[in-house]
Amino acid sequence: MLRAMKILAAAAALALAPAGAAFAQSSSLAAGVNLGTPGIGAELQLQLSDSLVLRGDADWLSYDRDEDYSGVPYGAELKSMTAGVFADWHPGATPFLVSAGAYFGERKVNLDATPSGPVNIGGQTFTPAQVGRITGRAEMSKFQPFVGLGFDNTFTSGSGWGFRALAGVAFSKDPDVSLAASGGTLSNDPTFQSLLRAEEADVREDAKGIRYYPILQVGLTRRF
């Protein structure tokens, strides 16, 4: 009897294994995790046809570096918290794809400078004591269209697992820049404040490059 039960159990396992694989291969839903220039993220995918997949994701990023804007050395912190909705077209139902969609949310650079030497503000030179500390931000659009190319075998691989890689660009309007000064002998001086507004315009011009945000991303997906 025990031997017969073992044989029946083995037969059932063999019968269910193809069914499970078939389910994984026929499922039109998948979830995944991503890593790249948008940050660390998670996503959901819905396959509408052999060549069209809808994708939604959410990403988070915090990154520090030093930047010079208009001759003033700033400590710059890139902060990004975005969600996105995209349509991925797979020509010929292959893993290769063309992607289009948009990111929504906050993508900004926080600026902080405490000059240790003379700096030029709005075309005039000031000492560190006069300037004090300058803080500000350069903020990109809340809505950023995206186009890209990539590879994603989530719905074409022979297993329930998939790999994806994406390269593209997100487009923003000119960054919105604001600066404020504090702790200096001229921080509240009307003339200095007027020059600081001119400095904002110079920083905005220097920061125009971040209108085109590069998207490089890899991820792992699982169908369910």
N, C-alpha and C. Protein backbone atom coordinates (compact mmCIF):
# COMPACT_ATOMS: atom_id res chain seq x y z
N MET A 1 0.82 -1.20 0.00
CA MET A 1 0.00 0.00 0.00
C MET A 1 0.86 1.26 0.00
N LEU A 2 1.90 1.28 0.85
CA LEU A 2 2.79 2.43 0.93
C LEU A 2 3.47 2.69 -0.40
N ARG A 3 3.90 1.58 -1.03
CA ARG A 3 4.57 1.72 -2.32
C ARG A 3 3.60 2.28 -3.36
N ALA A 4 2.35 1.84 -3.34
CA ALA A 4 1.36 2.34 -4.30
C ALA A 4 1.09 3.82 -4.09
N MET A 5 1.05 4.25 -2.82
CA MET A 5 0.82 5.66 -2.54
C MET A 5 1.97 6.52 -3.05
N LYS A 6 3.21 6.02 -2.90
CA LYS A 6 4.37 6.76 -3.40
C LYS A 6 4.31 6.89 -4.91
N ILE A 7 3.88 5.82 -5.58
CA ILE A 7 3.78 5.85 -7.04
C ILE A 7 2.73 6.86 -7.49
N LEU A 8 1.57 6.88 -6.78
CA LEU A 8 0.50 7.82 -7.11
C LEU A 8 0.95 9.27 -6.87
N ALA A 9 1.69 9.50 -5.78
CA ALA A 9 2.18 10.85 -5.47
C ALA A 9 3.15 11.33 -6.54
N ALA A 10 4.05 10.44 -6.96
CA ALA A 10 5.00 10.80 -8.01
C ALA A 10 4.29 11.11 -9.31
N ALA A 11 3.28 10.30 -9.62
CA ALA A 11 2.52 10.53 -10.85
C ALA A 11 1.79 11.87 -10.81
N ALA A 12 1.23 12.20 -9.65
CA ALA A 12 0.53 13.48 -9.51
C ALA A 12 1.49 14.65 -9.67
N ALA A 13 2.70 14.51 -9.09
CA ALA A 13 3.69 15.58 -9.21
C ALA A 13 4.08 15.79 -10.66
N LEU A 14 4.26 14.69 -11.40
CA LEU A 14 4.62 14.79 -12.81
C LEU A 14 3.50 15.42 -13.61
N ALA A 15 2.27 15.13 -13.24
CA ALA A 15 1.13 15.69 -13.97
C ALA A 15 0.97 17.18 -13.69
N LEU A 16 1.24 17.61 -12.44
CA LEU A 16 1.06 19.01 -12.08
C LEU A 16 2.19 19.90 -12.55
N ALA A 17 3.40 19.34 -12.70
CA ALA A 17 4.54 20.15 -13.11
C ALA A 17 4.32 20.82 -14.44
N PRO A 18 3.90 20.12 -15.50
CA PRO A 18 3.63 20.80 -16.76
C PRO A 18 2.51 21.82 -16.64
N ALA A 19 1.50 21.49 -15.82
CA ALA A 19 0.39 22.44 -15.65
C ALA A 19 0.88 23.73 -15.03
N GLY A 20 1.76 23.62 -14.01
CA GLY A 20 2.32 24.81 -13.37
C GLY A 20 3.15 25.61 -14.35
N ALA A 21 3.97 24.90 -15.17
CA ALA A 21 4.78 25.60 -16.16
C ALA A 21 3.90 26.28 -17.19
N ALA A 22 2.81 25.57 -17.60
CA ALA A 22 1.91 26.16 -18.59
C ALA A 22 1.26 27.42 -18.03
N PHE A 23 0.90 27.39 -16.72
CA PHE A 23 0.30 28.57 -16.10
C PHE A 23 1.28 29.74 -16.14
N ALA A 24 2.55 29.44 -15.77
CA ALA A 24 3.55 30.51 -15.74
C ALA A 24 3.75 31.09 -17.13
N GLN A 25 3.72 30.22 -18.17
CA GLN A 25 3.96 30.69 -19.52
C GLN A 25 2.76 31.43 -20.09
N SER A 26 1.54 31.12 -19.61
CA SER A 26 0.34 31.75 -20.16
C SER A 26 -0.09 32.97 -19.35
N SER A 27 0.47 33.17 -18.17
CA SER A 27 0.07 34.29 -17.33
C SER A 27 0.38 35.61 -18.02
N SER A 28 -0.52 36.57 -17.91
CA SER A 28 -0.32 37.88 -18.53
C SER A 28 0.12 38.93 -17.52
N LEU A 29 0.36 38.53 -16.27
CA LEU A 29 0.78 39.46 -15.22
C LEU A 29 2.18 39.11 -14.74
N ALA A 30 2.95 40.15 -14.39
CA ALA A 30 4.30 39.94 -13.87
C ALA A 30 4.65 41.09 -12.93
N ALA A 31 5.54 40.81 -12.01
CA ALA A 31 6.06 41.83 -11.09
C ALA A 31 7.58 41.76 -11.13
N GLY A 32 8.23 42.88 -10.80
CA GLY A 32 9.69 42.89 -10.86
C GLY A 32 10.31 43.95 -9.98
N VAL A 33 11.62 43.87 -9.87
CA VAL A 33 12.41 44.87 -9.16
C VAL A 33 13.44 45.44 -10.14
N ASN A 34 13.78 46.74 -9.96
CA ASN A 34 14.66 47.44 -10.88
C ASN A 34 15.78 48.16 -10.13
N LEU A 35 16.86 48.39 -10.85
CA LEU A 35 17.97 49.19 -10.33
C LEU A 35 18.56 49.98 -11.49
N GLY A 36 18.75 51.30 -11.29
CA GLY A 36 19.33 52.11 -12.35
C GLY A 36 19.32 53.58 -12.00
N THR A 37 19.44 54.43 -13.01
CA THR A 37 19.50 55.88 -12.77
C THR A 37 18.22 56.44 -12.17
N PRO A 38 17.01 55.85 -12.39
CA PRO A 38 15.85 56.35 -11.66
C PRO A 38 15.88 55.97 -10.19
N GLY A 39 16.77 55.02 -9.80
CA GLY A 39 16.87 54.59 -8.42
C GLY A 39 16.56 53.12 -8.26
N ILE A 40 16.15 52.77 -7.05
CA ILE A 40 15.69 51.42 -6.75
C ILE A 40 14.17 51.42 -6.90
N GLY A 41 13.64 50.40 -7.59
CA GLY A 41 12.21 50.44 -7.84
C GLY A 41 11.56 49.09 -7.96
N ALA A 42 10.25 49.14 -8.09
CA ALA A 42 9.43 47.95 -8.30
C ALA A 42 8.45 48.24 -9.41
N GLU A 43 8.01 47.19 -10.10
CA GLU A 43 7.11 47.40 -11.22
C GLU A 43 6.10 46.26 -11.36
N LEU A 44 5.03 46.56 -12.09
CA LEU A 44 4.03 45.58 -12.50
C LEU A 44 3.90 45.64 -14.01
N GLN A 45 3.69 44.47 -14.63
CA GLN A 45 3.51 44.40 -16.08
C GLN A 45 2.22 43.66 -16.41
N LEU A 46 1.56 44.13 -17.47
CA LEU A 46 0.36 43.47 -17.98
C LEU A 46 0.52 43.29 -19.48
N GLN A 47 0.54 42.03 -19.93
CA GLN A 47 0.68 41.74 -21.35
C GLN A 47 -0.69 41.81 -22.02
N LEU A 48 -0.86 42.75 -22.96
CA LEU A 48 -2.12 42.90 -23.67
C LEU A 48 -2.16 42.04 -24.93
N SER A 49 -1.00 41.81 -25.53
CA SER A 49 -0.90 40.95 -26.71
C SER A 49 0.54 40.44 -26.78
N ASP A 50 0.83 39.63 -27.79
CA ASP A 50 2.19 39.10 -27.92
C ASP A 50 3.22 40.20 -28.10
N SER A 51 2.80 41.37 -28.61
CA SER A 51 3.76 42.42 -28.86
C SER A 51 3.54 43.71 -28.07
N LEU A 52 2.57 43.74 -27.17
CA LEU A 52 2.31 44.96 -26.41
C LEU A 52 2.16 44.65 -24.92
N VAL A 53 2.96 45.38 -24.11
CA VAL A 53 2.94 45.21 -22.66
C VAL A 53 2.79 46.58 -22.01
N LEU A 54 1.86 46.70 -21.08
CA LEU A 54 1.73 47.90 -20.26
C LEU A 54 2.53 47.70 -18.98
N ARG A 55 3.21 48.76 -18.56
CA ARG A 55 4.11 48.64 -17.41
C ARG A 55 3.96 49.86 -16.52
N GLY A 56 3.88 49.62 -15.22
CA GLY A 56 3.87 50.71 -14.25
C GLY A 56 4.94 50.48 -13.21
N ASP A 57 5.64 51.55 -12.80
CA ASP A 57 6.69 51.36 -11.79
C ASP A 57 6.77 52.54 -10.84
N ALA A 58 7.51 52.33 -9.76
CA ALA A 58 7.79 53.37 -8.77
C ALA A 58 9.26 53.26 -8.39
N ASP A 59 9.97 54.41 -8.34
CA ASP A 59 11.41 54.41 -8.09
C ASP A 59 11.78 55.47 -7.06
N TRP A 60 12.88 55.21 -6.36
CA TRP A 60 13.38 56.15 -5.35
C TRP A 60 14.89 56.25 -5.46
N LEU A 61 15.42 57.48 -5.37
CA LEU A 61 16.86 57.70 -5.50
C LEU A 61 17.30 58.89 -4.65
N SER A 62 18.45 58.76 -3.99
CA SER A 62 19.11 59.86 -3.29
C SER A 62 20.60 59.74 -3.57
N TYR A 63 21.19 60.84 -4.10
CA TYR A 63 22.58 60.77 -4.55
C TYR A 63 23.25 62.11 -4.32
N ASP A 64 24.45 62.10 -3.69
CA ASP A 64 25.18 63.33 -3.37
C ASP A 64 26.41 63.47 -4.26
N ARG A 65 26.69 64.71 -4.66
CA ARG A 65 27.93 65.03 -5.37
C ARG A 65 28.15 66.54 -5.32
N ASP A 66 29.37 66.98 -5.64
CA ASP A 66 29.69 68.41 -5.68
C ASP A 66 29.51 68.93 -7.10
N GLU A 67 28.90 70.11 -7.21
CA GLU A 67 28.67 70.73 -8.52
C GLU A 67 29.00 72.21 -8.44
N ASP A 68 29.56 72.75 -9.52
CA ASP A 68 29.77 74.19 -9.65
C ASP A 68 28.68 74.74 -10.56
N TYR A 69 27.90 75.70 -10.06
CA TYR A 69 26.91 76.39 -10.87
C TYR A 69 27.23 77.87 -10.84
N SER A 70 27.44 78.44 -12.02
CA SER A 70 27.75 79.86 -12.14
C SER A 70 28.95 80.25 -11.28
N GLY A 71 29.93 79.33 -11.18
CA GLY A 71 31.17 79.63 -10.48
C GLY A 71 31.11 79.45 -8.97
N VAL A 72 29.96 79.06 -8.43
CA VAL A 72 29.83 78.84 -6.99
C VAL A 72 29.83 77.34 -6.72
N PRO A 73 30.73 76.86 -5.83
CA PRO A 73 30.77 75.42 -5.53
C PRO A 73 29.66 75.02 -4.57
N TYR A 74 28.79 74.12 -5.01
CA TYR A 74 27.68 73.66 -4.20
C TYR A 74 27.85 72.18 -3.85
N GLY A 75 27.37 71.82 -2.67
CA GLY A 75 27.10 70.42 -2.40
C GLY A 75 25.71 70.14 -2.97
N ALA A 76 25.62 69.18 -3.88
CA ALA A 76 24.36 68.93 -4.57
C ALA A 76 23.83 67.55 -4.20
N GLU A 77 22.55 67.48 -3.90
CA GLU A 77 21.90 66.22 -3.56
C GLU A 77 20.75 66.00 -4.53
N LEU A 78 20.86 64.95 -5.34
CA LEU A 78 19.79 64.58 -6.25
C LEU A 78 18.78 63.72 -5.50
N LYS A 79 17.54 64.17 -5.47
CA LYS A 79 16.45 63.43 -4.82
C LYS A 79 15.39 63.13 -5.88
N SER A 80 14.99 61.88 -5.95
CA SER A 80 14.00 61.50 -6.94
C SER A 80 13.03 60.49 -6.35
N MET A 81 11.75 60.80 -6.42
CA MET A 81 10.68 59.88 -6.05
C MET A 81 9.63 59.95 -7.14
N THR A 82 9.61 58.95 -8.01
CA THR A 82 8.77 59.00 -9.19
C THR A 82 7.96 57.73 -9.36
N ALA A 83 6.86 57.85 -10.09
CA ALA A 83 6.09 56.73 -10.59
C ALA A 83 6.02 56.89 -12.10
N GLY A 84 5.82 55.79 -12.81
CA GLY A 84 5.77 55.88 -14.26
C GLY A 84 4.78 54.91 -14.86
N VAL A 85 4.26 55.28 -16.03
CA VAL A 85 3.37 54.42 -16.81
C VAL A 85 3.92 54.36 -18.23
N PHE A 86 4.07 53.14 -18.77
CA PHE A 86 4.74 52.97 -20.05
C PHE A 86 4.05 51.89 -20.89
N ALA A 87 4.20 52.01 -22.20
CA ALA A 87 3.78 50.97 -23.14
C ALA A 87 5.02 50.45 -23.84
N ASP A 88 5.25 49.14 -23.77
CA ASP A 88 6.40 48.52 -24.40
C ASP A 88 5.94 47.73 -25.62
N TRP A 89 6.45 48.10 -26.79
CA TRP A 89 6.11 47.40 -28.03
C TRP A 89 7.25 46.45 -28.38
N HIS A 90 6.94 45.17 -28.53
CA HIS A 90 7.91 44.14 -28.87
C HIS A 90 7.71 43.74 -30.33
N PRO A 91 8.48 44.29 -31.27
CA PRO A 91 8.30 43.97 -32.68
C PRO A 91 8.47 42.47 -32.93
N GLY A 92 7.51 41.87 -33.62
CA GLY A 92 7.58 40.45 -33.91
C GLY A 92 7.48 39.57 -32.69
N ALA A 93 6.94 40.10 -31.59
CA ALA A 93 6.79 39.34 -30.34
C ALA A 93 8.13 38.82 -29.83
N THR A 94 9.21 39.59 -30.06
CA THR A 94 10.54 39.25 -29.58
C THR A 94 10.80 39.93 -28.24
N PRO A 95 11.89 39.59 -27.54
CA PRO A 95 12.20 40.27 -26.27
C PRO A 95 12.61 41.73 -26.46
N PHE A 96 13.04 42.12 -27.66
CA PHE A 96 13.48 43.50 -27.88
C PHE A 96 12.27 44.42 -27.92
N LEU A 97 12.45 45.64 -27.42
CA LEU A 97 11.28 46.52 -27.25
C LEU A 97 11.60 47.98 -27.53
N VAL A 98 10.54 48.70 -27.87
CA VAL A 98 10.53 50.16 -27.94
C VAL A 98 9.53 50.62 -26.88
N SER A 99 9.96 51.51 -26.01
CA SER A 99 9.13 51.93 -24.88
C SER A 99 8.83 53.42 -24.94
N ALA A 100 7.59 53.77 -24.58
CA ALA A 100 7.19 55.18 -24.49
C ALA A 100 6.23 55.33 -23.31
N GLY A 101 6.31 56.48 -22.67
CA GLY A 101 5.44 56.72 -21.52
C GLY A 101 5.83 57.99 -20.82
N ALA A 102 5.69 58.03 -19.50
CA ALA A 102 6.00 59.23 -18.75
C ALA A 102 6.27 58.90 -17.29
N TYR A 103 7.13 59.72 -16.68
CA TYR A 103 7.36 59.69 -15.24
C TYR A 103 6.57 60.81 -14.59
N PHE A 104 6.08 60.55 -13.38
CA PHE A 104 5.35 61.54 -12.60
C PHE A 104 5.99 61.61 -11.21
N GLY A 105 6.07 62.83 -10.65
CA GLY A 105 6.59 62.93 -9.29
C GLY A 105 7.70 63.95 -9.17
N GLU A 106 8.54 63.75 -8.19
CA GLU A 106 9.56 64.74 -7.82
C GLU A 106 10.94 64.27 -8.23
N ARG A 107 11.62 65.12 -8.98
CA ARG A 107 13.03 64.88 -9.32
C ARG A 107 13.72 66.24 -9.22
N LYS A 108 14.58 66.41 -8.21
CA LYS A 108 15.16 67.73 -7.95
C LYS A 108 16.59 67.59 -7.44
N VAL A 109 17.32 68.71 -7.49
CA VAL A 109 18.67 68.81 -6.95
C VAL A 109 18.66 69.86 -5.85
N ASN A 110 18.94 69.46 -4.63
CA ASN A 110 19.07 70.41 -3.51
C ASN A 110 20.49 70.95 -3.48
N LEU A 111 20.63 72.26 -3.32
CA LEU A 111 21.93 72.93 -3.38
C LEU A 111 22.27 73.56 -2.03
N ASP A 112 23.55 73.47 -1.67
CA ASP A 112 23.99 74.04 -0.39
C ASP A 112 25.45 74.48 -0.55
N ALA A 113 25.71 75.77 -0.34
CA ALA A 113 27.07 76.30 -0.50
C ALA A 113 27.42 77.23 0.65
N THR A 114 28.58 77.02 1.23
CA THR A 114 29.16 77.95 2.22
C THR A 114 30.54 78.31 1.70
N PRO A 115 30.64 79.39 0.93
CA PRO A 115 31.92 79.74 0.28
C PRO A 115 33.06 79.92 1.28
N SER A 116 34.24 79.45 0.88
CA SER A 116 35.44 79.63 1.71
C SER A 116 36.35 80.71 1.12
N GLY A 117 35.96 81.25 -0.01
CA GLY A 117 36.72 82.32 -0.65
C GLY A 117 35.76 83.23 -1.40
N PRO A 118 36.27 84.31 -2.00
CA PRO A 118 35.40 85.23 -2.73
C PRO A 118 34.64 84.51 -3.85
N VAL A 119 33.38 84.89 -4.02
CA VAL A 119 32.56 84.29 -5.09
C VAL A 119 31.83 85.40 -5.83
N ASN A 120 31.50 85.09 -7.08
CA ASN A 120 30.78 86.04 -7.92
C ASN A 120 29.29 85.73 -7.85
N ILE A 121 28.52 86.72 -7.41
CA ILE A 121 27.07 86.57 -7.32
C ILE A 121 26.43 87.65 -8.20
N GLY A 122 25.76 87.24 -9.24
CA GLY A 122 25.09 88.19 -10.11
C GLY A 122 26.00 89.19 -10.77
N GLY A 123 27.27 88.82 -10.98
CA GLY A 123 28.21 89.71 -11.66
C GLY A 123 29.07 90.53 -10.74
N GLN A 124 28.89 90.41 -9.42
CA GLN A 124 29.72 91.12 -8.45
C GLN A 124 30.38 90.14 -7.49
N THR A 125 31.56 90.51 -6.99
CA THR A 125 32.32 89.63 -6.11
C THR A 125 32.04 89.97 -4.65
N PHE A 126 31.83 88.92 -3.85
CA PHE A 126 31.54 89.08 -2.43
C PHE A 126 32.42 88.15 -1.62
N THR A 127 32.68 88.54 -0.37
CA THR A 127 33.47 87.70 0.53
C THR A 127 32.58 86.66 1.19
N PRO A 128 33.18 85.60 1.73
CA PRO A 128 32.37 84.60 2.44
C PRO A 128 31.54 85.21 3.57
N ALA A 129 32.12 86.19 4.30
CA ALA A 129 31.39 86.80 5.41
C ALA A 129 30.15 87.55 4.91
N GLN A 130 30.25 88.16 3.74
CA GLN A 130 29.11 88.89 3.19
C GLN A 130 28.02 87.93 2.69
N VAL A 131 28.46 86.83 2.11
CA VAL A 131 27.50 85.88 1.50
C VAL A 131 26.85 84.99 2.54
N GLY A 132 27.65 84.47 3.48
CA GLY A 132 27.13 83.50 4.43
C GLY A 132 26.89 82.15 3.75
N ARG A 133 25.71 81.65 3.85
CA ARG A 133 25.35 80.35 3.28
C ARG A 133 24.26 80.52 2.22
N ILE A 134 24.41 79.83 1.10
CA ILE A 134 23.41 79.85 0.04
C ILE A 134 22.80 78.46 -0.08
N THR A 135 21.50 78.40 -0.01
CA THR A 135 20.78 77.13 -0.20
C THR A 135 19.76 77.33 -1.33
N GLY A 136 19.39 76.24 -1.93
CA GLY A 136 18.41 76.35 -3.01
C GLY A 136 18.09 75.00 -3.61
N ARG A 137 17.39 75.04 -4.73
CA ARG A 137 17.03 73.81 -5.42
C ARG A 137 16.84 74.08 -6.91
N ALA A 138 17.11 73.05 -7.68
CA ALA A 138 16.79 73.05 -9.11
C ALA A 138 15.83 71.88 -9.32
N GLU A 139 14.59 72.19 -9.65
CA GLU A 139 13.54 71.17 -9.70
C GLU A 139 13.06 70.96 -11.12
N MET A 140 12.99 69.70 -11.52
CA MET A 140 12.52 69.35 -12.85
C MET A 140 11.00 69.23 -12.87
N SER A 141 10.45 69.07 -14.07
CA SER A 141 9.00 69.01 -14.23
C SER A 141 8.41 67.83 -13.46
N LYS A 142 7.19 68.01 -12.98
CA LYS A 142 6.48 66.91 -12.32
C LYS A 142 6.06 65.83 -13.32
N PHE A 143 5.92 66.22 -14.59
CA PHE A 143 5.55 65.30 -15.66
C PHE A 143 6.69 65.26 -16.67
N GLN A 144 7.25 64.07 -16.90
CA GLN A 144 8.40 63.93 -17.79
C GLN A 144 8.16 62.80 -18.78
N PRO A 145 7.89 63.13 -20.06
CA PRO A 145 7.74 62.10 -21.09
C PRO A 145 9.02 61.29 -21.22
N PHE A 146 8.88 60.04 -21.65
CA PHE A 146 10.02 59.11 -21.75
C PHE A 146 9.93 58.31 -23.04
N VAL A 147 11.09 58.08 -23.68
CA VAL A 147 11.22 57.14 -24.79
C VAL A 147 12.49 56.32 -24.58
N GLY A 148 12.46 55.07 -25.00
CA GLY A 148 13.65 54.23 -24.80
C GLY A 148 13.59 52.95 -25.61
N LEU A 149 14.70 52.23 -25.58
CA LEU A 149 14.84 50.93 -26.23
C LEU A 149 15.32 49.95 -25.18
N GLY A 150 15.00 48.67 -25.37
CA GLY A 150 15.45 47.71 -24.37
C GLY A 150 15.23 46.26 -24.76
N PHE A 151 15.39 45.43 -23.75
CA PHE A 151 15.24 43.98 -23.87
C PHE A 151 14.48 43.50 -22.66
N ASP A 152 13.46 42.67 -22.88
CA ASP A 152 12.67 42.13 -21.77
C ASP A 152 12.06 40.80 -22.21
N ASN A 153 12.53 39.72 -21.59
CA ASN A 153 12.02 38.40 -21.97
C ASN A 153 11.03 37.84 -20.96
N THR A 154 10.38 38.74 -20.20
CA THR A 154 9.43 38.31 -19.18
C THR A 154 8.37 37.36 -19.74
N PHE A 155 7.82 37.71 -20.91
CA PHE A 155 6.72 36.92 -21.48
C PHE A 155 7.17 36.03 -22.64
N THR A 156 8.48 35.94 -22.86
CA THR A 156 8.97 35.07 -23.93
C THR A 156 9.93 34.00 -23.43
N SER A 157 10.35 34.09 -22.17
CA SER A 157 11.28 33.08 -21.66
C SER A 157 10.53 31.77 -21.39
N GLY A 158 11.26 30.70 -21.32
CA GLY A 158 10.65 29.40 -21.08
C GLY A 158 10.31 29.15 -19.63
N SER A 159 10.66 30.07 -18.75
CA SER A 159 10.34 29.91 -17.33
C SER A 159 9.50 31.08 -16.87
N GLY A 160 9.16 31.09 -15.60
CA GLY A 160 8.38 32.20 -15.05
C GLY A 160 9.22 33.42 -14.74
N TRP A 161 10.54 33.32 -14.87
CA TRP A 161 11.45 34.43 -14.56
C TRP A 161 11.84 35.15 -15.84
N GLY A 162 12.14 36.43 -15.70
CA GLY A 162 12.58 37.22 -16.85
C GLY A 162 13.63 38.24 -16.47
N PHE A 163 14.35 38.71 -17.47
CA PHE A 163 15.37 39.75 -17.29
C PHE A 163 15.05 40.90 -18.22
N ARG A 164 15.26 42.11 -17.73
CA ARG A 164 15.00 43.27 -18.58
C ARG A 164 16.11 44.30 -18.44
N ALA A 165 16.40 45.00 -19.53
CA ALA A 165 17.37 46.09 -19.56
C ALA A 165 16.78 47.20 -20.43
N LEU A 166 16.95 48.44 -19.98
CA LEU A 166 16.30 49.57 -20.66
C LEU A 166 17.26 50.75 -20.71
N ALA A 167 17.27 51.44 -21.86
CA ALA A 167 18.05 52.67 -22.01
C ALA A 167 17.19 53.70 -22.73
N GLY A 168 17.15 54.91 -22.19
CA GLY A 168 16.33 55.94 -22.81
C GLY A 168 16.56 57.28 -22.15
N VAL A 169 15.62 58.19 -22.33
CA VAL A 169 15.75 59.52 -21.75
C VAL A 169 14.37 60.04 -21.35
N ALA A 170 14.33 60.75 -20.21
CA ALA A 170 13.12 61.43 -19.75
C ALA A 170 13.32 62.93 -19.97
N PHE A 171 12.27 63.59 -20.46
CA PHE A 171 12.36 64.99 -20.87
C PHE A 171 11.64 65.89 -19.87
N SER A 172 12.34 66.96 -19.45
CA SER A 172 11.76 67.94 -18.54
C SER A 172 11.80 69.32 -19.18
N LYS A 173 10.97 70.22 -18.68
CA LYS A 173 11.11 71.62 -19.03
C LYS A 173 12.36 72.18 -18.35
N ASP A 174 12.71 73.43 -18.65
CA ASP A 174 13.83 74.06 -17.96
C ASP A 174 13.60 73.96 -16.45
N PRO A 175 14.66 73.63 -15.69
CA PRO A 175 14.47 73.47 -14.25
C PRO A 175 14.03 74.76 -13.57
N ASP A 176 13.19 74.60 -12.57
CA ASP A 176 12.76 75.73 -11.74
C ASP A 176 13.80 75.90 -10.63
N VAL A 177 14.50 77.04 -10.61
CA VAL A 177 15.61 77.26 -9.69
C VAL A 177 15.25 78.35 -8.67
N SER A 178 15.55 78.08 -7.40
CA SER A 178 15.37 79.10 -6.36
C SER A 178 16.58 79.07 -5.44
N LEU A 179 17.05 80.25 -5.02
CA LEU A 179 18.20 80.38 -4.13
C LEU A 179 17.84 81.31 -2.96
N ALA A 180 18.44 81.05 -1.81
CA ALA A 180 18.25 81.90 -0.64
C ALA A 180 19.58 82.00 0.11
N ALA A 181 19.85 83.16 0.69
CA ALA A 181 21.08 83.38 1.45
C ALA A 181 20.74 83.63 2.92
N SER A 182 21.65 83.18 3.80
CA SER A 182 21.44 83.38 5.23
C SER A 182 22.79 83.42 5.93
N GLY A 183 22.85 84.12 7.06
CA GLY A 183 24.05 84.13 7.90
C GLY A 183 25.16 85.06 7.46
N GLY A 184 24.97 85.81 6.37
CA GLY A 184 25.99 86.75 5.90
C GLY A 184 25.63 88.18 6.26
N THR A 185 26.62 89.03 6.21
CA THR A 185 26.36 90.43 6.56
C THR A 185 25.46 91.13 5.54
N LEU A 186 25.42 90.59 4.32
CA LEU A 186 24.58 91.19 3.28
C LEU A 186 23.40 90.28 2.89
N SER A 187 23.15 89.24 3.66
CA SER A 187 22.12 88.28 3.28
C SER A 187 20.76 88.93 3.04
N ASN A 188 20.42 89.94 3.84
CA ASN A 188 19.11 90.58 3.71
C ASN A 188 19.18 91.93 3.00
N ASP A 189 20.34 92.26 2.46
CA ASP A 189 20.49 93.54 1.76
C ASP A 189 19.71 93.51 0.45
N PRO A 190 18.87 94.51 0.16
CA PRO A 190 18.06 94.51 -1.06
C PRO A 190 18.89 94.39 -2.33
N THR A 191 20.04 95.07 -2.38
CA THR A 191 20.88 94.99 -3.58
C THR A 191 21.43 93.58 -3.75
N PHE A 192 21.88 92.99 -2.65
CA PHE A 192 22.40 91.62 -2.72
C PHE A 192 21.29 90.65 -3.13
N GLN A 193 20.10 90.85 -2.61
CA GLN A 193 18.98 89.99 -2.96
C GLN A 193 18.65 90.10 -4.45
N SER A 194 18.75 91.31 -4.99
CA SER A 194 18.51 91.50 -6.42
C SER A 194 19.55 90.75 -7.25
N LEU A 195 20.81 90.80 -6.79
CA LEU A 195 21.87 90.06 -7.50
C LEU A 195 21.68 88.56 -7.35
N LEU A 196 21.12 88.13 -6.22
CA LEU A 196 20.87 86.69 -6.02
C LEU A 196 19.80 86.19 -7.00
N ARG A 197 18.84 87.06 -7.33
CA ARG A 197 17.83 86.68 -8.33
C ARG A 197 18.49 86.52 -9.71
N ALA A 198 19.45 87.39 -10.00
CA ALA A 198 20.20 87.25 -11.26
C ALA A 198 21.02 85.97 -11.25
N GLU A 199 21.55 85.61 -10.06
CA GLU A 199 22.30 84.36 -9.92
C GLU A 199 21.40 83.16 -10.20
N GLU A 200 20.16 83.22 -9.78
CA GLU A 200 19.21 82.15 -10.07
C GLU A 200 19.10 81.90 -11.57
N ALA A 201 19.04 83.00 -12.33
CA ALA A 201 18.94 82.87 -13.79
C ALA A 201 20.19 82.21 -14.36
N ASP A 202 21.36 82.55 -13.80
CA ASP A 202 22.61 81.94 -14.28
C ASP A 202 22.65 80.45 -13.95
N VAL A 203 22.20 80.10 -12.74
CA VAL A 203 22.16 78.69 -12.35
C VAL A 203 21.17 77.91 -13.23
N ARG A 204 20.05 78.54 -13.52
CA ARG A 204 19.05 77.89 -14.38
C ARG A 204 19.65 77.59 -15.75
N GLU A 205 20.44 78.52 -16.26
CA GLU A 205 21.08 78.30 -17.56
C GLU A 205 22.10 77.17 -17.48
N ASP A 206 22.89 77.14 -16.40
CA ASP A 206 23.89 76.08 -16.23
C ASP A 206 23.24 74.71 -16.04
N ALA A 207 22.06 74.70 -15.43
CA ALA A 207 21.40 73.43 -15.10
C ALA A 207 20.50 72.91 -16.22
N LYS A 208 20.51 73.56 -17.38
CA LYS A 208 19.62 73.13 -18.45
C LYS A 208 19.90 71.69 -18.90
N GLY A 209 21.14 71.24 -18.68
CA GLY A 209 21.48 69.88 -19.08
C GLY A 209 20.64 68.81 -18.41
N ILE A 210 20.13 69.11 -17.21
CA ILE A 210 19.34 68.08 -16.52
C ILE A 210 17.92 67.99 -17.05
N ARG A 211 17.60 68.79 -18.09
CA ARG A 211 16.30 68.62 -18.75
C ARG A 211 16.19 67.23 -19.37
N TYR A 212 17.34 66.69 -19.77
CA TYR A 212 17.36 65.37 -20.42
C TYR A 212 17.96 64.38 -19.44
N TYR A 213 17.09 63.67 -18.73
CA TYR A 213 17.55 62.77 -17.68
C TYR A 213 17.76 61.37 -18.26
N PRO A 214 19.00 60.85 -18.23
CA PRO A 214 19.25 59.53 -18.82
C PRO A 214 18.65 58.42 -17.98
N ILE A 215 17.99 57.50 -18.63
CA ILE A 215 17.40 56.34 -17.97
C ILE A 215 18.17 55.09 -18.39
N LEU A 216 18.90 54.51 -17.46
CA LEU A 216 19.60 53.24 -17.65
C LEU A 216 19.14 52.33 -16.52
N GLN A 217 18.58 51.18 -16.86
CA GLN A 217 17.91 50.38 -15.85
C GLN A 217 17.99 48.89 -16.19
N VAL A 218 18.21 48.07 -15.18
CA VAL A 218 18.13 46.62 -15.32
C VAL A 218 17.17 46.09 -14.26
N GLY A 219 16.57 44.93 -14.54
CA GLY A 219 15.61 44.41 -13.58
C GLY A 219 15.39 42.92 -13.74
N LEU A 220 14.77 42.36 -12.72
CA LEU A 220 14.41 40.94 -12.69
C LEU A 220 12.91 40.85 -12.49
N THR A 221 12.24 40.00 -13.27
CA THR A 221 10.79 39.90 -13.21
C THR A 221 10.35 38.47 -12.95
N ARG A 222 9.11 38.36 -12.48
CA ARG A 222 8.51 37.03 -12.22
C ARG A 222 7.05 37.07 -12.63
N ARG A 223 6.64 36.12 -13.45
CA ARG A 223 5.24 36.01 -13.87
C ARG A 223 4.43 35.28 -12.79
N PHE A 224 3.18 35.69 -12.67
CA PHE A 224 2.32 35.02 -11.68
C PHE A 224 0.87 34.99 -12.18
